[in-house]
Amino acid sequence: IMGPFQVDKIVEAVSKNKYSVFTAIPTIYFSLIDKIEKMERGELELLKTGFKQMRLMMSGSAALAPEIHKKWTELTGQVLLERYGMTEIGMALSNPVSGERRPGFVGQPLPGVEICLMDENKIIEEEGVEGEIMIRGPQVFLGYWNKEEITKNSFFEGWFKTGDISTVVDGYYKILGRDSIDIIKSGGYKISALEIEDILLRHPLIKECAVVGIEDNKWGEIVVAAIVTDEKEVSLDQIKEWSSDLLSEYKVPRKFKVLSGLPKNTMGKLIKSEIKKFF
């Protein structure tokens, strides 16, 4: 187990073939990609060899943008294994160790885990329809210590309410985000911030990005995006126009803001509540 995240320490350890299993959050993979793209050939070959010999590489704790998943495979030859779990339910979903690992999907239910999607307390039967992930099974916790009311509100007819919104395609679950953070409700639409972030990361000038919803009297919320770029000057109008070619009109961010860096916690996870303060 490594100490606090330092990209140079990871690069050094991996280059020396110290690890056979590697797991990290998306932010760390993003930082490693940025490092890899700037490395000299000799150093890069050692690092690639270190990654290629690993038995397993996993990503978790937050949704991994498909664009990052694909880029990681291109750079290292490793196909990341994404899965889904939380303290209250343990590990519930996973892509297979041997089999198809779909970028942007957290896989299928693990043995013994019951999962369904619900919307307004009704189970969703059709594939492709958004709903909250509900979990039940022997691995689900009993409740929060000395917090009876919170525990009561966290369950519905035996199902634990995760607060994460998902769809199902061919039995594979795709996380759209947290209902309270990553789902933007604008003009009657429910918009996935993660979907927009994945598109924005395809722009050659955008190094990092975060999409949030901010209050609006007319629409309820509007979509806005904070971006990080290495360029000294960047045309936000050009980025907005570029986005319009790839996103439906109601998903295109109304405002863009260039930041020197995105606010993150000590684990390297994005603090989206802080992003809203810039708009």
C-alpha atoms as a PDB file:
ATOM      1  CA  ILE A   1       0.000   0.000   0.000  1.00  0.00           C
ATOM      2  CA  MET A   2       1.431   3.332  -1.050  1.00  0.00           C
ATOM      3  CA  GLY A   3       1.276   6.526   1.017  1.00  0.00           C
ATOM      4  CA  PRO A   4      -0.306   9.846  -0.055  1.00  0.00           C
ATOM      5  CA  PHE A   5      -0.691  10.148  -3.814  1.00  0.00           C
ATOM      6  CA  GLN A   6       2.418  11.377  -5.602  1.00  0.00           C
ATOM      7  CA  VAL A   7       2.520  10.641  -9.308  1.00  0.00           C
ATOM      8  CA  ASP A   8       6.342  10.465  -9.416  1.00  0.00           C
ATOM      9  CA  LYS A   9       6.417   7.833  -6.649  1.00  0.00           C
ATOM     10  CA  ILE A  10       3.895   5.688  -8.523  1.00  0.00           C
ATOM     11  CA  VAL A  11       5.879   5.989 -11.749  1.00  0.00           C
ATOM     12  CA  GLU A  12       9.085   4.983  -9.942  1.00  0.00           C
ATOM     13  CA  ALA A  13       7.503   1.970  -8.222  1.00  0.00           C
ATOM     14  CA  VAL A  14       5.723   0.694 -11.337  1.00  0.00           C
ATOM     15  CA  SER A  15       8.872   1.128 -13.454  1.00  0.00           C
ATOM     16  CA  LYS A  16      10.675  -1.206 -11.018  1.00  0.00           C
ATOM     17  CA  ASN A  17       7.950  -3.872 -11.423  1.00  0.00           C
ATOM     18  CA  LYS A  18       7.030  -3.703  -7.729  1.00  0.00           C
ATOM     19  CA  TYR A  19       3.306  -4.396  -8.118  1.00  0.00           C
ATOM     20  CA  SER A  20       1.120  -7.047  -9.737  1.00  0.00           C
ATOM     21  CA  VAL A  21      -2.264  -5.497  -8.819  1.00  0.00           C
ATOM     22  CA  PHE A  22      -3.068  -1.794  -9.058  1.00  0.00           C
ATOM     23  CA  THR A  23      -6.256  -0.010  -8.045  1.00  0.00           C
ATOM     24  CA  ALA A  24      -6.914   3.723  -8.100  1.00  0.00           C
ATOM     25  CA  ILE A  25      -9.579   6.378  -8.508  1.00  0.00           C
ATOM     26  CA  PRO A  26     -10.158   8.071 -11.903  1.00  0.00           C
ATOM     27  CA  THR A  27      -8.293  11.232 -10.849  1.00  0.00           C
ATOM     28  CA  ILE A  28      -5.098   9.224 -10.372  1.00  0.00           C
ATOM     29  CA  TYR A  29      -5.404   7.608 -13.797  1.00  0.00           C
ATOM     30  CA  PHE A  30      -5.956  11.057 -15.258  1.00  0.00           C
ATOM     31  CA  SER A  31      -2.780  12.355 -13.570  1.00  0.00           C
ATOM     32  CA  LEU A  32      -0.789   9.338 -14.747  1.00  0.00           C
ATOM     33  CA  ILE A  33      -1.938   9.829 -18.339  1.00  0.00           C
ATOM     34  CA  ASP A  34      -0.828  13.449 -18.172  1.00  0.00           C
ATOM     35  CA  LYS A  35       2.566  12.309 -16.846  1.00  0.00           C
ATOM     36  CA  ILE A  36       2.951   9.549 -19.445  1.00  0.00           C
ATOM     37  CA  GLU A  37       2.262  11.902 -22.336  1.00  0.00           C
ATOM     38  CA  LYS A  38       5.158  14.126 -21.210  1.00  0.00           C
ATOM     39  CA  MET A  39       7.736  11.388 -20.522  1.00  0.00           C
ATOM     40  CA  GLU A  40      10.857  10.734 -22.556  1.00  0.00           C
ATOM     41  CA  ARG A  41      11.028   7.508 -24.529  1.00  0.00           C
ATOM     42  CA  GLY A  42      13.471   5.629 -22.276  1.00  0.00           C
ATOM     43  CA  GLU A  43      11.514   6.303 -19.085  1.00  0.00           C
ATOM     44  CA  LEU A  44       8.251   5.613 -20.860  1.00  0.00           C
ATOM     45  CA  GLU A  45       9.261   2.131 -22.003  1.00  0.00           C
ATOM     46  CA  LEU A  46      10.186   1.116 -18.446  1.00  0.00           C
ATOM     47  CA  LEU A  47       6.848   2.381 -17.150  1.00  0.00           C
ATOM     48  CA  LYS A  48       4.847   0.664 -19.896  1.00  0.00           C
ATOM     49  CA  THR A  49       6.624  -2.609 -19.161  1.00  0.00           C
ATOM     50  CA  GLY A  50       5.737  -2.241 -15.484  1.00  0.00           C
ATOM     51  CA  PHE A  51       2.072  -1.698 -16.260  1.00  0.00           C
ATOM     52  CA  LYS A  52       1.849  -4.447 -18.890  1.00  0.00           C
ATOM     53  CA  GLN A  53       3.167  -7.144 -16.534  1.00  0.00           C
ATOM     54  CA  MET A  54       0.485  -6.422 -13.929  1.00  0.00           C
ATOM     55  CA  ARG A  55      -2.111  -9.107 -13.321  1.00  0.00           C
ATOM     56  CA  LEU A  56      -4.976  -6.680 -12.752  1.00  0.00           C
ATOM     57  CA  MET A  57      -5.673  -2.941 -12.845  1.00  0.00           C
ATOM     58  CA  MET A  58      -8.908  -1.576 -11.382  1.00  0.00           C
ATOM     59  CA  SER A  59     -10.715   1.746 -11.165  1.00  0.00           C
ATOM     60  CA  GLY A  60     -13.334   2.643  -8.589  1.00  0.00           C
ATOM     61  CA  SER A  61     -14.751   5.145  -6.078  1.00  0.00           C
ATOM     62  CA  ALA A  62     -16.081   7.357  -8.897  1.00  0.00           C
ATOM     63  CA  ALA A  63     -17.233   6.934 -12.484  1.00  0.00           C
ATOM     64  CA  LEU A  64     -14.392   6.652 -15.008  1.00  0.00           C
ATOM     65  CA  ALA A  65     -14.927   8.561 -18.255  1.00  0.00           C
ATOM     66  CA  PRO A  66     -14.895   6.151 -21.245  1.00  0.00           C
ATOM     67  CA  GLU A  67     -12.410   8.477 -22.945  1.00  0.00           C
ATOM     68  CA  ILE A  68      -9.926   7.953 -20.082  1.00  0.00           C
ATOM     69  CA  HIS A  69     -10.571   4.193 -20.084  1.00  0.00           C
ATOM     70  CA  LYS A  70      -9.751   3.963 -23.797  1.00  0.00           C
ATOM     71  CA  LYS A  71      -6.721   6.239 -23.578  1.00  0.00           C
ATOM     72  CA  TRP A  72      -5.288   4.156 -20.723  1.00  0.00           C
ATOM     73  CA  THR A  73      -5.530   1.009 -22.841  1.00  0.00           C
ATOM     74  CA  GLU A  74      -3.845   2.774 -25.764  1.00  0.00           C
ATOM     75  CA  LEU A  75      -0.957   3.978 -23.586  1.00  0.00           C
ATOM     76  CA  THR A  76      -0.351   0.915 -21.398  1.00  0.00           C
ATOM     77  CA  GLY A  77      -2.041  -2.069 -23.014  1.00  0.00           C
ATOM     78  CA  GLN A  78      -4.067  -2.637 -19.829  1.00  0.00           C
ATOM     79  CA  VAL A  79      -7.874  -2.754 -19.927  1.00  0.00           C
ATOM     80  CA  LEU A  80      -9.082  -1.297 -16.636  1.00  0.00           C
ATOM     81  CA  LEU A  81     -11.621  -3.276 -14.626  1.00  0.00           C
ATOM     82  CA  GLU A  82     -14.400  -1.052 -13.322  1.00  0.00           C
ATOM     83  CA  ARG A  83     -16.686  -2.101 -10.497  1.00  0.00           C
ATOM     84  CA  TYR A  84     -19.210  -0.566  -8.124  1.00  0.00           C
ATOM     85  CA  GLY A  85     -19.622  -0.743  -4.386  1.00  0.00           C
ATOM     86  CA  MET A  86     -19.923   1.297  -1.220  1.00  0.00           C
ATOM     87  CA  THR A  87     -19.421   0.846   2.517  1.00  0.00           C
ATOM     88  CA  GLU A  88     -23.092   0.014   3.103  1.00  0.00           C
ATOM     89  CA  ILE A  89     -23.327  -2.740   0.476  1.00  0.00           C
ATOM     90  CA  GLY A  90     -19.798  -4.014  -0.122  1.00  0.00           C
ATOM     91  CA  MET A  91     -18.893  -4.750  -3.743  1.00  0.00           C
ATOM     92  CA  ALA A  92     -22.077  -5.171  -5.777  1.00  0.00           C
ATOM     93  CA  LEU A  93     -21.260  -4.874  -9.487  1.00  0.00           C
ATOM     94  CA  SER A  94     -18.184  -5.654 -11.528  1.00  0.00           C
ATOM     95  CA  ASN A  95     -16.935  -6.149 -15.032  1.00  0.00           C
ATOM     96  CA  PRO A  96     -15.485  -9.652 -15.455  1.00  0.00           C
ATOM     97  CA  VAL A  97     -11.861 -10.502 -14.726  1.00  0.00           C
ATOM     98  CA  SER A  98     -11.981 -12.739 -17.798  1.00  0.00           C
ATOM     99  CA  GLY A  99     -14.382 -11.415 -20.411  1.00  0.00           C
ATOM    100  CA  GLU A 100     -15.602  -8.172 -21.912  1.00  0.00           C
ATOM    101  CA  ARG A 101     -14.852  -5.035 -19.896  1.00  0.00           C
ATOM    102  CA  ARG A 102     -16.995  -2.235 -21.257  1.00  0.00           C
ATOM    103  CA  PRO A 103     -15.681   1.348 -20.991  1.00  0.00           C
ATOM    104  CA  GLY A 104     -18.178   3.494 -19.107  1.00  0.00           C
ATOM    105  CA  PHE A 105     -19.924   0.527 -17.464  1.00  0.00           C
ATOM    106  CA  VAL A 106     -19.443  -0.901 -13.963  1.00  0.00           C
ATOM    107  CA  GLY A 107     -20.471  -4.390 -15.006  1.00  0.00           C
ATOM    108  CA  GLN A 108     -23.059  -6.876 -13.797  1.00  0.00           C
ATOM    109  CA  PRO A 109     -24.324  -7.960 -10.355  1.00  0.00           C
ATOM    110  CA  LEU A 110     -21.978 -10.202  -8.384  1.00  0.00           C
ATOM    111  CA  PRO A 111     -23.292 -13.569  -7.103  1.00  0.00           C
ATOM    112  CA  GLY A 112     -25.810 -13.214  -4.276  1.00  0.00           C
ATOM    113  CA  VAL A 113     -26.460  -9.530  -4.966  1.00  0.00           C
ATOM    114  CA  GLU A 114     -29.967  -8.407  -5.914  1.00  0.00           C
ATOM    115  CA  ILE A 115     -30.142  -5.160  -7.892  1.00  0.00           C
ATOM    116  CA  CYS A 116     -32.925  -3.175  -9.492  1.00  0.00           C
ATOM    117  CA  LEU A 117     -33.483   0.355 -10.756  1.00  0.00           C
ATOM    118  CA  MET A 118     -36.344   2.406  -9.322  1.00  0.00           C
ATOM    119  CA  ASP A 119     -37.997   5.677 -10.216  1.00  0.00           C
ATOM    120  CA  GLU A 120     -40.583   7.138  -7.840  1.00  0.00           C
ATOM    121  CA  ASN A 121     -40.657   3.839  -5.901  1.00  0.00           C
ATOM    122  CA  LYS A 122     -41.476   1.810  -9.018  1.00  0.00           C
ATOM    123  CA  ILE A 123     -39.149  -0.871 -10.390  1.00  0.00           C
ATOM    124  CA  ILE A 124     -37.980  -0.122 -13.944  1.00  0.00           C
ATOM    125  CA  GLU A 125     -38.279  -3.139 -16.233  1.00  0.00           C
ATOM    126  CA  GLU A 126     -37.079  -1.689 -19.569  1.00  0.00           C
ATOM    127  CA  GLU A 127     -33.416  -1.397 -20.487  1.00  0.00           C
ATOM    128  CA  GLY A 128     -32.023   2.054 -21.208  1.00  0.00           C
ATOM    129  CA  VAL A 129     -34.322   3.842 -18.739  1.00  0.00           C
ATOM    130  CA  GLU A 130     -32.706   5.841 -15.924  1.00  0.00           C
ATOM    131  CA  GLY A 131     -33.342   4.953 -12.303  1.00  0.00           C
ATOM    132  CA  GLU A 132     -31.787   4.840  -8.848  1.00  0.00           C
ATOM    133  CA  ILE A 133     -29.713   1.754  -8.051  1.00  0.00           C
ATOM    134  CA  MET A 134     -31.376  -0.276  -5.295  1.00  0.00           C
ATOM    135  CA  ILE A 135     -29.557  -3.154  -3.573  1.00  0.00           C
ATOM    136  CA  ARG A 136     -30.576  -5.961  -1.276  1.00  0.00           C
ATOM    137  CA  GLY A 137     -28.943  -9.142  -0.064  1.00  0.00           C
ATOM    138  CA  PRO A 138     -27.103 -10.617   2.931  1.00  0.00           C
ATOM    139  CA  GLN A 139     -24.120  -8.305   2.378  1.00  0.00           C
ATOM    140  CA  VAL A 140     -26.138  -5.101   2.912  1.00  0.00           C
ATOM    141  CA  PHE A 141     -25.547  -3.368   6.251  1.00  0.00           C
ATOM    142  CA  LEU A 142     -28.271  -3.263   8.922  1.00  0.00           C
ATOM    143  CA  GLY A 143     -28.202   0.454   9.612  1.00  0.00           C
ATOM    144  CA  TYR A 144     -26.301   3.539  10.715  1.00  0.00           C
ATOM    145  CA  TRP A 145     -25.202   3.521  14.370  1.00  0.00           C
ATOM    146  CA  ASN A 146     -27.620   5.518  16.540  1.00  0.00           C
ATOM    147  CA  LYS A 147     -29.226   7.117  13.462  1.00  0.00           C
ATOM    148  CA  GLU A 148     -32.613   5.436  13.234  1.00  0.00           C
ATOM    149  CA  GLU A 149     -34.301   8.104  11.112  1.00  0.00           C
ATOM    150  CA  ILE A 150     -31.496   8.211   8.536  1.00  0.00           C
ATOM    151  CA  THR A 151     -31.484   4.406   8.423  1.00  0.00           C
ATOM    152  CA  LYS A 152     -35.247   4.317   7.888  1.00  0.00           C
ATOM    153  CA  ASN A 153     -35.032   6.809   5.019  1.00  0.00           C
ATOM    154  CA  SER A 154     -32.208   4.836   3.388  1.00  0.00           C
ATOM    155  CA  PHE A 155     -34.395   1.799   2.686  1.00  0.00           C
ATOM    156  CA  PHE A 156     -37.551   1.133   0.694  1.00  0.00           C
ATOM    157  CA  GLU A 157     -39.305  -2.202   1.220  1.00  0.00           C
ATOM    158  CA  GLY A 158     -36.019  -3.925   2.030  1.00  0.00           C
ATOM    159  CA  TRP A 159     -34.041  -2.277  -0.774  1.00  0.00           C
ATOM    160  CA  PHE A 160     -31.116   0.010   0.097  1.00  0.00           C
ATOM    161  CA  LYS A 161     -31.251   3.315  -1.785  1.00  0.00           C
ATOM    162  CA  THR A 162     -27.745   4.056  -3.080  1.00  0.00           C
ATOM    163  CA  GLY A 163     -28.473   7.542  -4.427  1.00  0.00           C
ATOM    164  CA  ASP A 164     -26.695   6.658  -7.687  1.00  0.00           C
ATOM    165  CA  ILE A 165     -28.502   6.922 -11.009  1.00  0.00           C
ATOM    166  CA  SER A 166     -27.896   4.279 -13.670  1.00  0.00           C
ATOM    167  CA  THR A 167     -29.166   2.662 -16.839  1.00  0.00           C
ATOM    168  CA  VAL A 168     -28.795  -0.955 -17.985  1.00  0.00           C
ATOM    169  CA  VAL A 169     -27.649  -2.018 -21.458  1.00  0.00           C
ATOM    170  CA  ASP A 170     -27.402  -5.746 -22.255  1.00  0.00           C
ATOM    171  CA  GLY A 171     -27.224  -6.498 -18.542  1.00  0.00           C
ATOM    172  CA  TYR A 172     -24.348  -4.061 -17.939  1.00  0.00           C
ATOM    173  CA  TYR A 173     -24.917  -1.108 -15.602  1.00  0.00           C
ATOM    174  CA  LYS A 174     -23.803   2.397 -16.561  1.00  0.00           C
ATOM    175  CA  ILE A 175     -23.503   4.975 -13.766  1.00  0.00           C
ATOM    176  CA  LEU A 176     -24.863   8.389 -14.723  1.00  0.00           C
ATOM    177  CA  GLY A 177     -23.919  10.008 -11.422  1.00  0.00           C
ATOM    178  CA  ARG A 178     -25.151  10.859  -7.942  1.00  0.00           C
ATOM    179  CA  ASP A 179     -28.746  12.019  -7.923  1.00  0.00           C
ATOM    180  CA  SER A 180     -27.819  15.044  -5.805  1.00  0.00           C
ATOM    181  CA  ILE A 181     -24.611  16.025  -7.629  1.00  0.00           C
ATOM    182  CA  ASP A 182     -24.244  14.603 -11.119  1.00  0.00           C
ATOM    183  CA  ILE A 183     -27.851  14.673 -12.319  1.00  0.00           C
ATOM    184  CA  ILE A 184     -28.763  18.175 -13.490  1.00  0.00           C
ATOM    185  CA  LYS A 185     -32.481  18.930 -13.714  1.00  0.00           C
ATOM    186  CA  SER A 186     -32.991  21.604 -16.352  1.00  0.00           C
ATOM    187  CA  GLY A 187     -36.226  22.508 -18.111  1.00  0.00           C
ATOM    188  CA  GLY A 188     -37.787  19.119 -17.423  1.00  0.00           C
ATOM    189  CA  TYR A 189     -34.717  17.169 -18.560  1.00  0.00           C
ATOM    190  CA  LYS A 190     -32.514  15.007 -16.346  1.00  0.00           C
ATOM    191  CA  ILE A 191     -28.979  15.532 -17.633  1.00  0.00           C
ATOM    192  CA  SER A 192     -25.939  13.433 -16.716  1.00  0.00           C
ATOM    193  CA  ALA A 193     -22.948  15.635 -15.903  1.00  0.00           C
ATOM    194  CA  LEU A 194     -20.666  12.628 -16.407  1.00  0.00           C
ATOM    195  CA  GLU A 195     -21.842  12.181 -19.994  1.00  0.00           C
ATOM    196  CA  ILE A 196     -21.011  15.814 -20.793  1.00  0.00           C
ATOM    197  CA  GLU A 197     -17.623  15.566 -19.065  1.00  0.00           C
ATOM    198  CA  ASP A 198     -16.726  12.559 -21.199  1.00  0.00           C
ATOM    199  CA  ILE A 199     -17.475  14.547 -24.365  1.00  0.00           C
ATOM    200  CA  LEU A 200     -15.532  17.621 -23.223  1.00  0.00           C
ATOM    201  CA  LEU A 201     -12.451  15.522 -22.454  1.00  0.00           C
ATOM    202  CA  ARG A 202     -12.238  14.685 -26.156  1.00  0.00           C
ATOM    203  CA  HIS A 203     -11.333  18.293 -26.936  1.00  0.00           C
ATOM    204  CA  PRO A 204      -7.550  18.504 -27.491  1.00  0.00           C
ATOM    205  CA  LEU A 205      -7.164  21.629 -25.331  1.00  0.00           C
ATOM    206  CA  ILE A 206      -9.121  20.385 -22.302  1.00  0.00           C
ATOM    207  CA  LYS A 207      -6.928  18.688 -19.702  1.00  0.00           C
ATOM    208  CA  GLU A 208      -9.568  18.307 -16.966  1.00  0.00           C
ATOM    209  CA  CYS A 209     -13.182  19.339 -16.598  1.00  0.00           C
ATOM    210  CA  ALA A 210     -16.114  19.326 -14.189  1.00  0.00           C
ATOM    211  CA  VAL A 211     -19.753  19.851 -15.117  1.00  0.00           C
ATOM    212  CA  VAL A 212     -22.337  21.003 -12.569  1.00  0.00           C
ATOM    213  CA  GLY A 213     -25.773  22.555 -12.458  1.00  0.00           C
ATOM    214  CA  ILE A 214     -26.364  26.003 -10.988  1.00  0.00           C
ATOM    215  CA  GLU A 215     -29.699  27.500  -9.990  1.00  0.00           C
ATOM    216  CA  ASP A 216     -31.674  29.368 -12.628  1.00  0.00           C
ATOM    217  CA  ASN A 217     -35.078  31.026 -12.223  1.00  0.00           C
ATOM    218  CA  LYS A 218     -36.313  29.955 -15.656  1.00  0.00           C
ATOM    219  CA  TRP A 219     -34.861  26.463 -16.093  1.00  0.00           C
ATOM    220  CA  GLY A 220     -34.454  25.322 -12.482  1.00  0.00           C
ATOM    221  CA  GLU A 221     -30.808  24.587 -13.199  1.00  0.00           C
ATOM    222  CA  ILE A 222     -28.487  25.307 -16.104  1.00  0.00           C
ATOM    223  CA  VAL A 223     -25.452  23.310 -17.195  1.00  0.00           C
ATOM    224  CA  VAL A 224     -22.044  24.946 -16.648  1.00  0.00           C
ATOM    225  CA  ALA A 225     -18.515  23.608 -17.047  1.00  0.00           C
ATOM    226  CA  ALA A 226     -15.161  24.364 -15.441  1.00  0.00           C
ATOM    227  CA  ILE A 227     -12.145  23.380 -17.533  1.00  0.00           C
ATOM    228  CA  VAL A 228      -8.396  23.159 -17.026  1.00  0.00           C
ATOM    229  CA  THR A 229      -6.083  23.705 -19.984  1.00  0.00           C
ATOM    230  CA  ASP A 230      -2.349  24.109 -20.553  1.00  0.00           C
ATOM    231  CA  GLU A 231      -2.996  26.828 -23.133  1.00  0.00           C
ATOM    232  CA  LYS A 232      -2.461  30.448 -22.074  1.00  0.00           C
ATOM    233  CA  GLU A 233      -5.331  31.579 -24.269  1.00  0.00           C
ATOM    234  CA  VAL A 234      -8.358  29.518 -25.197  1.00  0.00           C
ATOM    235  CA  SER A 235     -11.563  30.533 -26.965  1.00  0.00           C
ATOM    236  CA  LEU A 236     -14.522  29.517 -24.821  1.00  0.00           C
ATOM    237  CA  ASP A 237     -16.859  30.395 -27.690  1.00  0.00           C
ATOM    238  CA  GLN A 238     -14.980  27.928 -29.895  1.00  0.00           C
ATOM    239  CA  ILE A 239     -15.249  25.206 -27.248  1.00  0.00           C
ATOM    240  CA  LYS A 240     -18.973  25.862 -26.880  1.00  0.00           C
ATOM    241  CA  GLU A 241     -19.440  25.676 -30.654  1.00  0.00           C
ATOM    242  CA  TRP A 242     -17.419  22.446 -30.771  1.00  0.00           C
ATOM    243  CA  SER A 243     -19.580  21.011 -27.964  1.00  0.00           C
ATOM    244  CA  SER A 244     -22.740  21.847 -29.908  1.00  0.00           C
ATOM    245  CA  ASP A 245     -21.708  19.418 -32.646  1.00  0.00           C
ATOM    246  CA  LEU A 246     -21.477  16.516 -30.178  1.00  0.00           C
ATOM    247  CA  LEU A 247     -24.204  17.246 -27.627  1.00  0.00           C
ATOM    248  CA  SER A 248     -27.932  17.853 -27.776  1.00  0.00           C
ATOM    249  CA  GLU A 249     -28.718  21.549 -27.423  1.00  0.00           C
ATOM    250  CA  TYR A 250     -30.050  21.226 -23.867  1.00  0.00           C
ATOM    251  CA  LYS A 251     -26.840  19.458 -22.745  1.00  0.00           C
ATOM    252  CA  VAL A 252     -24.392  22.074 -24.039  1.00  0.00           C
ATOM    253  CA  PRO A 253     -22.953  24.069 -21.100  1.00  0.00           C
ATOM    254  CA  ARG A 254     -24.370  27.602 -21.013  1.00  0.00           C
ATOM    255  CA  LYS A 255     -21.207  28.901 -19.357  1.00  0.00           C
ATOM    256  CA  PHE A 256     -17.565  27.841 -19.328  1.00  0.00           C
ATOM    257  CA  LYS A 257     -14.919  28.868 -16.812  1.00  0.00           C
ATOM    258  CA  VAL A 258     -11.169  28.292 -17.113  1.00  0.00           C
ATOM    259  CA  LEU A 259      -9.507  27.298 -13.812  1.00  0.00           C
ATOM    260  CA  SER A 260      -5.874  26.641 -12.969  1.00  0.00           C
ATOM    261  CA  GLY A 261      -6.963  23.427 -11.234  1.00  0.00           C
ATOM    262  CA  LEU A 262     -10.092  21.668  -9.997  1.00  0.00           C
ATOM    263  CA  PRO A 263     -10.819  21.491  -6.231  1.00  0.00           C
ATOM    264  CA  LYS A 264     -10.165  18.011  -4.835  1.00  0.00           C
ATOM    265  CA  ASN A 265     -10.096  16.368  -1.425  1.00  0.00           C
ATOM    266  CA  THR A 266      -7.129  14.567   0.158  1.00  0.00           C
ATOM    267  CA  MET A 267      -8.094  11.387  -1.716  1.00  0.00           C
ATOM    268  CA  GLY A 268      -7.862  13.237  -5.021  1.00  0.00           C
ATOM    269  CA  LYS A 269     -11.628  13.144  -5.584  1.00  0.00           C
ATOM    270  CA  LEU A 270     -13.327  16.116  -7.181  1.00  0.00           C
ATOM    271  CA  ILE A 271     -15.322  18.402  -4.853  1.00  0.00           C
ATOM    272  CA  LYS A 272     -18.169  19.450  -7.118  1.00  0.00           C
ATOM    273  CA  SER A 273     -19.859  21.633  -4.524  1.00  0.00           C
ATOM    274  CA  GLU A 274     -16.815  23.920  -4.709  1.00  0.00           C
ATOM    275  CA  ILE A 275     -17.096  24.190  -8.501  1.00  0.00           C
ATOM    276  CA  LYS A 276     -20.435  25.984  -8.238  1.00  0.00           C
ATOM    277  CA  LYS A 277     -18.785  28.861  -6.362  1.00  0.00           C
ATOM    278  CA  PHE A 278     -16.918  29.883  -9.521  1.00  0.00           C
ATOM    279  CA  PHE A 279     -20.153  30.696 -11.393  1.00  0.00           C
END
